[in-house]
């Protein structure tokens, strides 16, 4: 069985969602997908609140989910367990809702949880496989984090080399007395056929012929 988080449900029913295709594929490819009734309320709230979907349309989209996924109500025991385990799992504030989803999924013997926010479930469901929709297919949260890490390393390297290049240019021109004139000459270079200015005869201007 596969538990679907609210973010997946919203993305699946809303065609204008930026991850609609991936979320819809995640729903369709999941084995015995299910969720809880609280997730339906969250879906309706997100559609009408954040995406400004009209109330009637949002209600229809939300309730039609009952035809494609299994929906069950939360039990009082789910709330009790989530609140009791809050301290040991490091849950605070709104994190209790994700913990509640995880507790429900665990009680239903879910094999995996599909979510767009894997970090929200990492500490509340360490015993359940966490998947994210990627390129229309399900990928593990570990692969997703590795990708983010590689992108972060790439950004850091680009920033490092940019700073290194700027420092090299600054050192090349700041170390000699001719640095300032050289910079001025570089700034005075203009494309052929356009009006250019020389610092020696500013503000007189000349037009270079196109050869």
N, C-alpha and C. Protein backbone atom coordinates (compact mmCIF):
# COMPACT_ATOMS: atom_id res chain seq x y z
N UNK A 1 0.84 -1.20 0.00
CA UNK A 1 0.00 0.00 0.00
C UNK A 1 0.87 1.26 0.00
N UNK A 2 0.37 2.29 -0.65
CA UNK A 2 1.12 3.53 -0.78
C UNK A 2 0.30 4.70 -0.27
N UNK A 3 0.85 5.41 0.72
CA UNK A 3 0.16 6.59 1.24
C UNK A 3 0.53 7.80 0.40
N UNK A 4 -0.48 8.57 0.00
CA UNK A 4 -0.27 9.77 -0.79
C UNK A 4 -0.42 11.00 0.09
N UNK A 5 0.60 11.83 0.12
CA UNK A 5 0.57 13.05 0.91
C UNK A 5 -0.29 14.10 0.20
N UNK A 6 -0.69 15.12 0.93
CA UNK A 6 -1.58 16.15 0.39
C UNK A 6 -1.00 16.84 -0.84
N UNK A 7 0.30 17.13 -0.82
CA UNK A 7 0.92 17.80 -1.95
C UNK A 7 0.80 17.02 -3.25
N UNK A 8 0.87 15.70 -3.16
CA UNK A 8 0.71 14.86 -4.34
C UNK A 8 -0.72 14.93 -4.85
N UNK A 9 -1.67 14.89 -3.94
CA UNK A 9 -3.08 14.93 -4.31
C UNK A 9 -3.43 16.25 -5.00
N UNK A 10 -2.95 17.36 -4.41
CA UNK A 10 -3.21 18.68 -5.00
C UNK A 10 -2.62 18.76 -6.41
N UNK A 11 -1.38 18.32 -6.55
CA UNK A 11 -0.75 18.37 -7.87
C UNK A 11 -1.43 17.48 -8.89
N UNK A 12 -2.02 16.38 -8.43
CA UNK A 12 -2.67 15.44 -9.34
C UNK A 12 -4.00 15.96 -9.86
N UNK A 13 -4.75 16.67 -9.03
CA UNK A 13 -6.09 17.12 -9.44
C UNK A 13 -6.08 18.48 -10.12
N UNK A 14 -5.02 19.25 -9.91
CA UNK A 14 -4.96 20.61 -10.46
C UNK A 14 -4.10 20.62 -11.71
N UNK A 15 -4.72 20.78 -12.86
CA UNK A 15 -3.99 20.70 -14.14
C UNK A 15 -2.99 21.84 -14.31
N UNK A 16 -3.25 22.98 -13.68
CA UNK A 16 -2.33 24.12 -13.81
C UNK A 16 -1.16 24.03 -12.83
N UNK A 17 -1.12 23.00 -12.02
CA UNK A 17 -0.03 22.84 -11.05
C UNK A 17 1.27 22.60 -11.80
N UNK A 18 2.38 23.21 -11.38
CA UNK A 18 3.66 23.04 -12.09
C UNK A 18 4.17 21.61 -12.11
N UNK A 19 3.71 20.77 -11.19
CA UNK A 19 4.14 19.37 -11.16
C UNK A 19 2.96 18.42 -11.39
N UNK A 20 1.99 18.90 -12.16
CA UNK A 20 0.77 18.11 -12.37
C UNK A 20 1.07 16.74 -12.99
N UNK A 21 1.86 16.73 -14.04
CA UNK A 21 2.13 15.47 -14.75
C UNK A 21 2.82 14.47 -13.82
N UNK A 22 3.82 14.94 -13.09
CA UNK A 22 4.56 14.05 -12.19
C UNK A 22 3.67 13.53 -11.06
N UNK A 23 2.84 14.42 -10.49
CA UNK A 23 1.98 14.01 -9.38
C UNK A 23 0.88 13.06 -9.86
N UNK A 24 0.33 13.33 -11.03
CA UNK A 24 -0.70 12.44 -11.57
C UNK A 24 -0.12 11.07 -11.87
N UNK A 25 1.08 11.03 -12.41
CA UNK A 25 1.74 9.75 -12.68
C UNK A 25 2.02 9.01 -11.38
N UNK A 26 2.41 9.76 -10.35
CA UNK A 26 2.67 9.13 -9.05
C UNK A 26 1.41 8.48 -8.50
N UNK A 27 0.28 9.17 -8.66
CA UNK A 27 -0.99 8.61 -8.18
C UNK A 27 -1.36 7.36 -8.98
N UNK A 28 -1.23 7.44 -10.30
CA UNK A 28 -1.64 6.33 -11.15
C UNK A 28 -0.70 5.14 -11.05
N UNK A 29 0.58 5.39 -10.78
CA UNK A 29 1.56 4.30 -10.73
C UNK A 29 1.69 3.66 -9.36
N UNK A 30 1.09 4.28 -8.35
CA UNK A 30 1.21 3.75 -6.99
C UNK A 30 0.40 2.47 -6.82
N UNK A 31 0.92 1.57 -6.02
CA UNK A 31 0.23 0.32 -5.72
C UNK A 31 -0.71 0.54 -4.54
N UNK A 32 -2.00 0.33 -4.80
CA UNK A 32 -3.04 0.50 -3.79
C UNK A 32 -2.90 1.84 -3.07
N UNK A 33 -3.04 2.94 -3.79
CA UNK A 33 -2.90 4.27 -3.16
C UNK A 33 -4.02 4.55 -2.16
N UNK A 34 -3.68 5.19 -1.08
CA UNK A 34 -4.68 5.56 -0.08
C UNK A 34 -4.24 6.82 0.64
N UNK A 35 -5.17 7.45 1.31
CA UNK A 35 -4.88 8.62 2.12
C UNK A 35 -5.93 8.69 3.22
N UNK A 36 -5.89 9.74 4.02
CA UNK A 36 -6.90 9.87 5.06
C UNK A 36 -7.81 11.07 4.79
N UNK A 37 -8.92 11.13 5.52
CA UNK A 37 -9.91 12.17 5.30
C UNK A 37 -9.35 13.56 5.60
N UNK A 38 -8.42 13.63 6.53
CA UNK A 38 -7.82 14.93 6.84
C UNK A 38 -7.07 15.49 5.64
N UNK A 39 -6.46 14.61 4.85
CA UNK A 39 -5.75 15.06 3.65
C UNK A 39 -6.72 15.67 2.63
N UNK A 40 -7.97 15.18 2.60
CA UNK A 40 -8.97 15.77 1.72
C UNK A 40 -9.28 17.21 2.15
N UNK A 41 -9.38 17.42 3.46
CA UNK A 41 -9.62 18.77 3.97
C UNK A 41 -8.45 19.69 3.63
N UNK A 42 -7.23 19.18 3.77
CA UNK A 42 -6.04 19.97 3.42
C UNK A 42 -6.02 20.28 1.93
N UNK A 43 -6.43 19.31 1.12
CA UNK A 43 -6.47 19.52 -0.33
C UNK A 43 -7.45 20.64 -0.69
N UNK A 44 -8.65 20.58 -0.12
CA UNK A 44 -9.65 21.62 -0.37
C UNK A 44 -9.14 22.98 0.08
N UNK A 45 -8.51 23.03 1.25
CA UNK A 45 -7.99 24.29 1.78
C UNK A 45 -6.91 24.87 0.87
N UNK A 46 -6.04 24.01 0.34
CA UNK A 46 -4.97 24.48 -0.54
C UNK A 46 -5.52 24.96 -1.88
N UNK A 47 -6.47 24.23 -2.42
CA UNK A 47 -7.05 24.62 -3.72
C UNK A 47 -7.75 25.97 -3.63
N UNK A 48 -8.56 26.15 -2.61
CA UNK A 48 -9.33 27.39 -2.50
C UNK A 48 -8.52 28.54 -1.91
N UNK A 49 -7.58 28.22 -1.04
CA UNK A 49 -6.81 29.27 -0.38
C UNK A 49 -5.61 29.74 -1.18
N UNK A 50 -4.73 28.83 -1.55
CA UNK A 50 -3.49 29.20 -2.23
C UNK A 50 -3.69 29.37 -3.74
N UNK A 51 -4.39 28.42 -4.36
CA UNK A 51 -4.56 28.46 -5.82
C UNK A 51 -5.82 29.17 -6.27
N UNK A 52 -6.64 29.62 -5.33
CA UNK A 52 -7.83 30.42 -5.62
C UNK A 52 -8.80 29.71 -6.57
N UNK A 53 -8.93 28.40 -6.42
CA UNK A 53 -9.91 27.65 -7.20
C UNK A 53 -11.29 27.93 -6.62
N UNK A 54 -12.30 28.19 -7.45
CA UNK A 54 -13.65 28.41 -6.93
C UNK A 54 -14.11 27.27 -6.02
N UNK A 55 -14.90 27.61 -5.04
CA UNK A 55 -15.29 26.63 -4.02
C UNK A 55 -15.95 25.40 -4.61
N UNK A 56 -16.90 25.59 -5.51
CA UNK A 56 -17.62 24.45 -6.08
C UNK A 56 -16.68 23.54 -6.87
N UNK A 57 -15.80 24.14 -7.66
CA UNK A 57 -14.85 23.35 -8.45
C UNK A 57 -13.89 22.60 -7.54
N UNK A 58 -13.42 23.28 -6.49
CA UNK A 58 -12.49 22.64 -5.56
C UNK A 58 -13.15 21.48 -4.83
N UNK A 59 -14.42 21.66 -4.45
CA UNK A 59 -15.15 20.59 -3.77
C UNK A 59 -15.30 19.38 -4.68
N UNK A 60 -15.60 19.62 -5.95
CA UNK A 60 -15.76 18.52 -6.90
C UNK A 60 -14.45 17.78 -7.13
N UNK A 61 -13.37 18.54 -7.31
CA UNK A 61 -12.06 17.92 -7.51
C UNK A 61 -11.65 17.08 -6.30
N UNK A 62 -11.92 17.61 -5.12
CA UNK A 62 -11.52 16.92 -3.89
C UNK A 62 -12.34 15.65 -3.67
N UNK A 63 -13.65 15.74 -3.79
CA UNK A 63 -14.51 14.59 -3.51
C UNK A 63 -14.40 13.51 -4.58
N UNK A 64 -14.04 13.89 -5.80
CA UNK A 64 -13.88 12.89 -6.86
C UNK A 64 -12.70 11.97 -6.62
N UNK A 65 -11.82 12.38 -5.70
CA UNK A 65 -10.66 11.54 -5.39
C UNK A 65 -11.08 10.20 -4.80
N UNK A 66 -12.27 10.15 -4.22
CA UNK A 66 -12.74 8.90 -3.61
C UNK A 66 -12.90 7.79 -4.64
N UNK A 67 -12.99 8.18 -5.92
CA UNK A 67 -13.15 7.17 -6.97
C UNK A 67 -11.81 6.57 -7.42
N UNK A 68 -10.72 7.25 -7.09
CA UNK A 68 -9.42 6.79 -7.58
C UNK A 68 -8.48 6.32 -6.47
N UNK A 69 -8.71 6.76 -5.25
CA UNK A 69 -7.86 6.32 -4.14
C UNK A 69 -8.73 5.98 -2.94
N UNK A 70 -8.21 5.14 -2.08
CA UNK A 70 -8.93 4.75 -0.87
C UNK A 70 -8.77 5.83 0.19
N UNK A 71 -9.86 6.23 0.78
CA UNK A 71 -9.85 7.28 1.80
C UNK A 71 -10.50 6.74 3.07
N UNK A 72 -9.80 6.90 4.19
CA UNK A 72 -10.33 6.46 5.49
C UNK A 72 -10.17 7.58 6.51
N UNK A 73 -11.05 7.63 7.48
CA UNK A 73 -10.93 8.66 8.52
C UNK A 73 -9.82 8.33 9.50
N UNK A 74 -9.29 9.35 10.11
CA UNK A 74 -8.31 9.15 11.17
C UNK A 74 -9.01 8.66 12.43
N UNK A 75 -8.29 7.88 13.21
CA UNK A 75 -8.82 7.40 14.48
C UNK A 75 -8.26 8.23 15.62
N UNK A 76 -8.97 8.23 16.73
CA UNK A 76 -8.49 8.97 17.90
C UNK A 76 -7.12 8.46 18.32
N UNK A 77 -6.89 7.17 18.15
CA UNK A 77 -5.59 6.59 18.51
C UNK A 77 -4.46 7.19 17.69
N UNK A 78 -4.74 7.60 16.44
CA UNK A 78 -3.71 8.23 15.60
C UNK A 78 -3.27 9.56 16.20
N UNK A 79 -4.22 10.34 16.68
CA UNK A 79 -3.91 11.62 17.30
C UNK A 79 -3.12 11.41 18.60
N UNK A 80 -3.57 10.45 19.39
CA UNK A 80 -2.90 10.18 20.67
C UNK A 80 -1.46 9.76 20.44
N UNK A 81 -1.25 8.86 19.48
CA UNK A 81 0.12 8.38 19.20
C UNK A 81 1.01 9.50 18.68
N UNK A 82 0.48 10.31 17.78
CA UNK A 82 1.27 11.40 17.20
C UNK A 82 1.69 12.41 18.26
N UNK A 83 0.77 12.74 19.15
CA UNK A 83 1.08 13.73 20.18
C UNK A 83 2.05 13.15 21.21
N UNK A 84 1.88 11.90 21.57
CA UNK A 84 2.79 11.28 22.54
C UNK A 84 4.21 11.15 21.99
N UNK A 85 4.33 10.89 20.70
CA UNK A 85 5.63 10.69 20.10
C UNK A 85 6.27 12.00 19.61
N UNK A 86 5.58 13.11 19.80
CA UNK A 86 6.07 14.38 19.27
C UNK A 86 7.46 14.73 19.79
N UNK A 87 7.66 14.57 21.09
CA UNK A 87 8.95 14.96 21.67
C UNK A 87 10.08 14.05 21.17
N UNK A 88 9.83 12.76 21.16
CA UNK A 88 10.88 11.82 20.75
C UNK A 88 11.22 11.95 19.27
N UNK A 89 10.27 12.39 18.47
CA UNK A 89 10.51 12.55 17.03
C UNK A 89 10.86 13.99 16.64
N UNK A 90 10.95 14.87 17.62
CA UNK A 90 11.32 16.25 17.34
C UNK A 90 10.25 17.02 16.60
N UNK A 91 8.99 16.75 16.90
CA UNK A 91 7.87 17.38 16.19
C UNK A 91 7.40 18.60 16.97
N UNK A 92 7.26 19.71 16.23
CA UNK A 92 6.75 20.94 16.83
C UNK A 92 5.84 21.63 15.82
N UNK A 93 4.93 22.46 16.31
CA UNK A 93 4.09 23.28 15.44
C UNK A 93 3.31 22.46 14.43
N UNK A 94 3.30 22.98 13.19
CA UNK A 94 2.55 22.33 12.12
C UNK A 94 3.09 20.97 11.72
N UNK A 95 4.28 20.62 12.23
CA UNK A 95 4.84 19.31 11.91
C UNK A 95 4.00 18.17 12.45
N UNK A 96 3.09 18.48 13.38
CA UNK A 96 2.24 17.44 13.96
C UNK A 96 1.32 16.83 12.90
N UNK A 97 0.98 17.62 11.86
CA UNK A 97 0.08 17.11 10.83
C UNK A 97 0.78 16.06 9.95
N UNK A 98 2.04 16.31 9.63
CA UNK A 98 2.80 15.31 8.89
C UNK A 98 3.02 14.07 9.74
N UNK A 99 3.25 14.28 11.04
CA UNK A 99 3.41 13.16 11.95
C UNK A 99 2.12 12.35 12.03
N UNK A 100 1.00 13.05 11.97
CA UNK A 100 -0.31 12.38 11.99
C UNK A 100 -0.50 11.52 10.75
N UNK A 101 -0.11 12.06 9.58
CA UNK A 101 -0.17 11.29 8.34
C UNK A 101 0.71 10.05 8.44
N UNK A 102 1.91 10.23 8.97
CA UNK A 102 2.85 9.11 9.08
C UNK A 102 2.33 8.04 10.04
N UNK A 103 1.72 8.48 11.13
CA UNK A 103 1.16 7.52 12.09
C UNK A 103 0.03 6.72 11.46
N UNK A 104 -0.82 7.41 10.70
CA UNK A 104 -1.92 6.74 10.00
C UNK A 104 -1.38 5.74 8.98
N UNK A 105 -0.37 6.18 8.20
CA UNK A 105 0.22 5.30 7.18
C UNK A 105 0.85 4.07 7.83
N UNK A 106 1.50 4.25 8.96
CA UNK A 106 2.12 3.14 9.68
C UNK A 106 1.06 2.16 10.18
N UNK A 107 -0.04 2.67 10.70
CA UNK A 107 -1.11 1.80 11.19
C UNK A 107 -1.74 0.99 10.06
N UNK A 108 -1.78 1.58 8.87
CA UNK A 108 -2.36 0.90 7.72
C UNK A 108 -1.35 0.00 7.00
N UNK A 109 -0.16 -0.16 7.59
CA UNK A 109 0.87 -1.03 7.03
C UNK A 109 1.35 -0.53 5.66
N UNK A 110 1.47 0.78 5.51
CA UNK A 110 1.96 1.32 4.24
C UNK A 110 3.40 0.93 4.00
N UNK A 111 3.71 0.59 2.76
CA UNK A 111 5.08 0.24 2.39
C UNK A 111 5.88 1.50 2.07
N UNK A 112 5.19 2.50 1.55
CA UNK A 112 5.88 3.72 1.14
C UNK A 112 4.96 4.92 1.29
N UNK A 113 5.57 6.08 1.37
CA UNK A 113 4.86 7.36 1.39
C UNK A 113 5.35 8.18 0.21
N UNK A 114 4.43 8.68 -0.59
CA UNK A 114 4.79 9.53 -1.73
C UNK A 114 4.46 10.97 -1.36
N UNK A 115 5.46 11.83 -1.44
CA UNK A 115 5.30 13.21 -1.02
C UNK A 115 6.17 14.14 -1.84
N UNK A 116 5.82 15.42 -1.88
CA UNK A 116 6.65 16.43 -2.52
C UNK A 116 7.58 17.07 -1.50
N UNK A 117 7.42 16.70 -0.24
CA UNK A 117 8.24 17.27 0.84
C UNK A 117 8.86 16.15 1.66
N UNK A 118 9.87 15.47 1.13
CA UNK A 118 10.46 14.33 1.85
C UNK A 118 11.07 14.70 3.20
N UNK A 119 11.55 15.93 3.34
CA UNK A 119 12.16 16.33 4.61
C UNK A 119 11.14 16.37 5.74
N UNK A 120 9.85 16.54 5.40
CA UNK A 120 8.81 16.59 6.42
C UNK A 120 8.55 15.22 7.05
N UNK A 121 8.91 14.16 6.33
CA UNK A 121 8.61 12.81 6.81
C UNK A 121 9.84 12.03 7.24
N UNK A 122 11.02 12.59 7.02
CA UNK A 122 12.24 11.84 7.28
C UNK A 122 12.37 11.44 8.74
N UNK A 123 11.99 12.33 9.65
CA UNK A 123 12.15 12.03 11.08
C UNK A 123 10.89 11.46 11.72
N UNK A 124 9.74 11.57 11.03
CA UNK A 124 8.51 11.02 11.61
C UNK A 124 8.17 9.65 11.02
N UNK A 125 8.82 9.28 9.93
CA UNK A 125 8.57 7.97 9.32
C UNK A 125 9.87 7.34 8.84
N UNK A 126 10.84 7.14 9.73
CA UNK A 126 12.12 6.56 9.31
C UNK A 126 12.00 5.09 8.91
N UNK A 127 10.91 4.46 9.31
CA UNK A 127 10.72 3.04 9.03
C UNK A 127 9.94 2.79 7.73
N UNK A 128 9.55 3.86 7.03
CA UNK A 128 8.77 3.74 5.79
C UNK A 128 9.55 4.38 4.65
N UNK A 129 9.51 3.75 3.49
CA UNK A 129 10.22 4.30 2.33
C UNK A 129 9.53 5.58 1.88
N UNK A 130 10.32 6.62 1.68
CA UNK A 130 9.80 7.92 1.25
C UNK A 130 10.15 8.14 -0.22
N UNK A 131 9.13 8.38 -1.05
CA UNK A 131 9.35 8.60 -2.48
C UNK A 131 8.85 9.98 -2.88
N UNK A 132 9.45 10.52 -3.94
CA UNK A 132 9.03 11.81 -4.49
C UNK A 132 8.77 11.65 -5.98
N UNK A 133 7.83 12.41 -6.54
CA UNK A 133 7.59 12.34 -7.99
C UNK A 133 8.68 13.11 -8.72
N UNK A 134 9.29 12.48 -9.71
CA UNK A 134 10.35 13.14 -10.49
C UNK A 134 10.28 12.67 -11.93
N UNK A 135 10.13 13.62 -12.85
CA UNK A 135 10.09 13.31 -14.28
C UNK A 135 9.02 12.26 -14.60
N UNK A 136 7.87 12.36 -13.89
CA UNK A 136 6.79 11.45 -14.16
C UNK A 136 6.97 10.08 -13.55
N UNK A 137 8.07 9.84 -12.82
CA UNK A 137 8.32 8.56 -12.20
C UNK A 137 8.64 8.78 -10.73
N UNK A 138 8.45 7.74 -9.94
CA UNK A 138 8.76 7.85 -8.53
C UNK A 138 10.23 7.64 -8.30
N UNK A 139 10.82 8.48 -7.49
CA UNK A 139 12.23 8.32 -7.15
C UNK A 139 12.37 8.39 -5.65
N UNK A 140 13.38 7.75 -5.13
CA UNK A 140 13.57 7.73 -3.69
C UNK A 140 14.00 9.09 -3.19
N UNK A 141 13.68 9.37 -1.93
CA UNK A 141 14.07 10.64 -1.34
C UNK A 141 15.58 10.77 -1.30
N UNK A 142 16.29 9.62 -1.15
CA UNK A 142 17.75 9.66 -1.12
C UNK A 142 18.32 10.18 -2.42
N UNK A 143 17.78 9.70 -3.54
CA UNK A 143 18.24 10.17 -4.85
C UNK A 143 17.94 11.65 -5.03
N UNK A 144 16.79 12.07 -4.54
CA UNK A 144 16.41 13.48 -4.63
C UNK A 144 17.38 14.36 -3.86
N UNK A 145 17.77 13.91 -2.67
CA UNK A 145 18.70 14.69 -1.86
C UNK A 145 20.09 14.72 -2.48
N UNK A 146 20.50 13.60 -3.09
CA UNK A 146 21.80 13.57 -3.77
C UNK A 146 21.82 14.57 -4.91
N UNK A 147 20.70 14.65 -5.66
CA UNK A 147 20.61 15.61 -6.76
C UNK A 147 20.72 17.04 -6.25
N UNK A 148 20.01 17.34 -5.16
CA UNK A 148 20.10 18.68 -4.58
C UNK A 148 21.52 19.00 -4.12
N UNK A 149 22.19 17.99 -3.55
CA UNK A 149 23.56 18.20 -3.09
C UNK A 149 24.49 18.50 -4.25
N UNK A 150 24.34 17.76 -5.35
CA UNK A 150 25.19 17.99 -6.52
C UNK A 150 24.95 19.37 -7.12
N UNK A 151 23.68 19.79 -7.16
CA UNK A 151 23.38 21.12 -7.67
C UNK A 151 23.98 22.20 -6.77
N UNK A 152 23.97 21.95 -5.47
CA UNK A 152 24.57 22.90 -4.53
C UNK A 152 26.07 22.99 -4.74
N UNK A 153 26.73 21.85 -4.95
CA UNK A 153 28.18 21.84 -5.20
C UNK A 153 28.49 22.59 -6.48
N UNK A 154 27.67 22.38 -7.52
CA UNK A 154 27.89 23.07 -8.79
C UNK A 154 27.78 24.58 -8.62
N UNK A 155 26.78 25.02 -7.86
CA UNK A 155 26.60 26.46 -7.63
C UNK A 155 27.79 27.04 -6.87
N UNK A 156 28.27 26.30 -5.89
CA UNK A 156 29.43 26.77 -5.11
C UNK A 156 30.68 26.88 -5.99
N UNK A 157 30.89 25.91 -6.86
CA UNK A 157 32.05 25.94 -7.74
C UNK A 157 31.98 27.11 -8.71
N UNK A 158 30.78 27.35 -9.26
CA UNK A 158 30.61 28.48 -10.18
C UNK A 158 30.90 29.80 -9.47
N UNK A 159 30.42 29.92 -8.25
CA UNK A 159 30.67 31.14 -7.48
C UNK A 159 32.15 31.30 -7.17
N UNK A 160 32.83 30.19 -6.84
CA UNK A 160 34.25 30.23 -6.51
C UNK A 160 35.07 30.70 -7.72
N UNK A 161 34.80 30.11 -8.88
CA UNK A 161 35.57 30.47 -10.07
C UNK A 161 35.28 31.90 -10.52
N UNK A 162 34.05 32.36 -10.31
CA UNK A 162 33.73 33.74 -10.66
C UNK A 162 34.52 34.70 -9.78
N UNK A 163 34.55 34.41 -8.47
CA UNK A 163 35.31 35.26 -7.56
C UNK A 163 36.80 35.21 -7.87
N UNK A 164 37.31 34.02 -8.21
CA UNK A 164 38.72 33.86 -8.54
C UNK A 164 39.08 34.68 -9.77
N UNK A 165 38.20 34.67 -10.76
CA UNK A 165 38.45 35.42 -11.99
C UNK A 165 38.45 36.92 -11.72
N UNK A 166 37.50 37.38 -10.92
CA UNK A 166 37.44 38.80 -10.60
C UNK A 166 38.67 39.24 -9.82
N UNK A 167 39.10 38.41 -8.89
CA UNK A 167 40.31 38.73 -8.12
C UNK A 167 41.54 38.78 -9.01
N UNK A 168 41.62 37.87 -9.97
CA UNK A 168 42.76 37.85 -10.89
C UNK A 168 42.80 39.12 -11.73
N UNK A 169 41.66 39.55 -12.20
CA UNK A 169 41.59 40.78 -13.00
C UNK A 169 41.98 41.99 -12.16
N UNK A 170 41.47 42.02 -10.93
CA UNK A 170 41.78 43.14 -10.04
C UNK A 170 43.27 43.21 -9.73
N UNK A 171 43.89 42.05 -9.45
CA UNK A 171 45.31 42.02 -9.14
C UNK A 171 46.15 42.40 -10.36
N UNK A 172 45.69 42.00 -11.54
CA UNK A 172 46.45 42.28 -12.75
C UNK A 172 46.55 43.78 -13.03
N UNK A 173 45.49 44.52 -12.68
CA UNK A 173 45.47 45.93 -13.01
C UNK A 173 45.78 46.85 -11.83
N UNK A 174 45.66 46.34 -10.63
CA UNK A 174 45.91 47.20 -9.47
C UNK A 174 47.37 47.22 -9.05
N UNK A 175 48.18 46.33 -9.61
CA UNK A 175 49.57 46.24 -9.16
C UNK A 175 50.53 47.13 -9.91
N UNK A 176 50.12 47.83 -10.94
CA UNK A 176 51.03 48.66 -11.74
C UNK A 176 50.47 50.06 -11.89
N UNK A 177 51.36 51.00 -12.21
CA UNK A 177 50.94 52.39 -12.39
C UNK A 177 50.12 52.57 -13.64
N UNK A 178 50.24 51.63 -14.59
CA UNK A 178 49.51 51.74 -15.84
C UNK A 178 48.14 51.09 -15.74
N UNK A 179 47.78 50.63 -14.56
CA UNK A 179 46.50 49.93 -14.42
C UNK A 179 45.32 50.79 -14.78
N UNK A 180 45.30 52.04 -14.23
CA UNK A 180 44.15 52.91 -14.49
C UNK A 180 44.03 53.28 -15.96
N UNK A 181 45.10 53.74 -16.63
CA UNK A 181 44.97 54.03 -18.06
C UNK A 181 44.53 52.81 -18.86
N UNK A 182 45.02 51.63 -18.49
CA UNK A 182 44.64 50.42 -19.21
C UNK A 182 43.15 50.17 -19.08
N UNK A 183 42.63 50.34 -17.87
CA UNK A 183 41.19 50.17 -17.67
C UNK A 183 40.41 51.19 -18.50
N UNK A 184 40.90 52.42 -18.53
CA UNK A 184 40.20 53.45 -19.30
C UNK A 184 40.22 53.14 -20.78
N UNK A 185 41.34 52.62 -21.27
CA UNK A 185 41.42 52.26 -22.68
C UNK A 185 40.48 51.11 -23.01
N UNK A 186 40.37 50.16 -22.09
CA UNK A 186 39.44 49.04 -22.32
C UNK A 186 38.00 49.53 -22.37
N UNK A 187 37.69 50.45 -21.47
CA UNK A 187 36.33 50.96 -21.43
C UNK A 187 35.99 51.80 -22.65
N UNK A 188 37.04 52.35 -23.29
CA UNK A 188 36.79 53.22 -24.44
C UNK A 188 36.61 52.45 -25.73
N UNK A 189 36.81 51.13 -25.72
CA UNK A 189 36.67 50.34 -26.94
C UNK A 189 35.20 50.23 -27.30
N UNK A 190 34.86 50.52 -28.54
CA UNK A 190 33.48 50.45 -29.01
C UNK A 190 33.44 49.64 -30.30
N UNK A 191 32.28 49.01 -30.60
CA UNK A 191 32.14 48.28 -31.86
C UNK A 191 32.33 49.20 -33.05
N UNK A 192 32.76 48.61 -34.16
CA UNK A 192 32.99 49.40 -35.37
C UNK A 192 31.69 50.04 -35.84
N UNK A 193 31.85 51.27 -36.36
CA UNK A 193 30.71 51.94 -36.93
C UNK A 193 29.85 52.66 -35.91
N UNK A 194 30.19 52.57 -34.63
CA UNK A 194 29.44 53.24 -33.61
C UNK A 194 30.25 54.38 -33.01
N UNK A 195 29.56 55.33 -32.43
CA UNK A 195 30.22 56.47 -31.81
C UNK A 195 30.97 56.02 -30.57
N UNK A 196 32.24 56.42 -30.50
CA UNK A 196 33.05 56.04 -29.34
C UNK A 196 33.69 57.28 -28.75
N UNK A 197 34.11 57.17 -27.52
CA UNK A 197 34.69 58.30 -26.81
C UNK A 197 36.10 57.94 -26.34
N UNK A 198 37.01 58.85 -26.53
CA UNK A 198 38.37 58.69 -26.03
C UNK A 198 38.53 59.57 -24.81
N UNK A 199 39.17 59.02 -23.77
CA UNK A 199 39.31 59.80 -22.56
C UNK A 199 40.31 60.94 -22.74
N UNK A 200 41.16 60.83 -23.78
CA UNK A 200 42.14 61.88 -24.01
C UNK A 200 41.48 63.16 -24.53
N UNK A 201 40.38 63.02 -25.30
CA UNK A 201 39.77 64.23 -25.88
C UNK A 201 38.29 64.32 -25.50
N UNK A 202 37.95 63.82 -24.34
CA UNK A 202 36.57 63.90 -23.84
C UNK A 202 36.16 65.35 -23.70
N UNK A 203 34.98 65.82 -24.11
CA UNK A 203 33.90 65.00 -24.61
C UNK A 203 33.81 64.95 -26.14
N UNK A 204 34.91 65.32 -26.85
CA UNK A 204 34.88 65.24 -28.30
C UNK A 204 34.63 63.80 -28.73
N UNK A 205 33.84 63.60 -29.75
CA UNK A 205 33.52 62.25 -30.19
C UNK A 205 33.89 62.07 -31.65
N UNK A 206 34.12 60.81 -32.00
CA UNK A 206 34.47 60.49 -33.38
C UNK A 206 33.72 59.24 -33.80
N UNK A 207 33.57 59.07 -35.06
CA UNK A 207 32.90 57.90 -35.62
C UNK A 207 33.89 57.08 -36.40
N UNK A 208 34.09 55.85 -35.99
CA UNK A 208 35.04 54.98 -36.68
C UNK A 208 34.39 54.40 -37.93
N UNK A 209 35.08 54.40 -39.03
CA UNK A 209 34.51 53.83 -40.26
C UNK A 209 34.44 52.32 -40.20
N UNK A 210 33.50 51.76 -40.91
CA UNK A 210 33.38 50.32 -41.03
C UNK A 210 34.28 49.85 -42.14
N UNK A 211 35.26 49.03 -41.83
CA UNK A 211 36.22 48.57 -42.83
C UNK A 211 35.79 47.22 -43.40
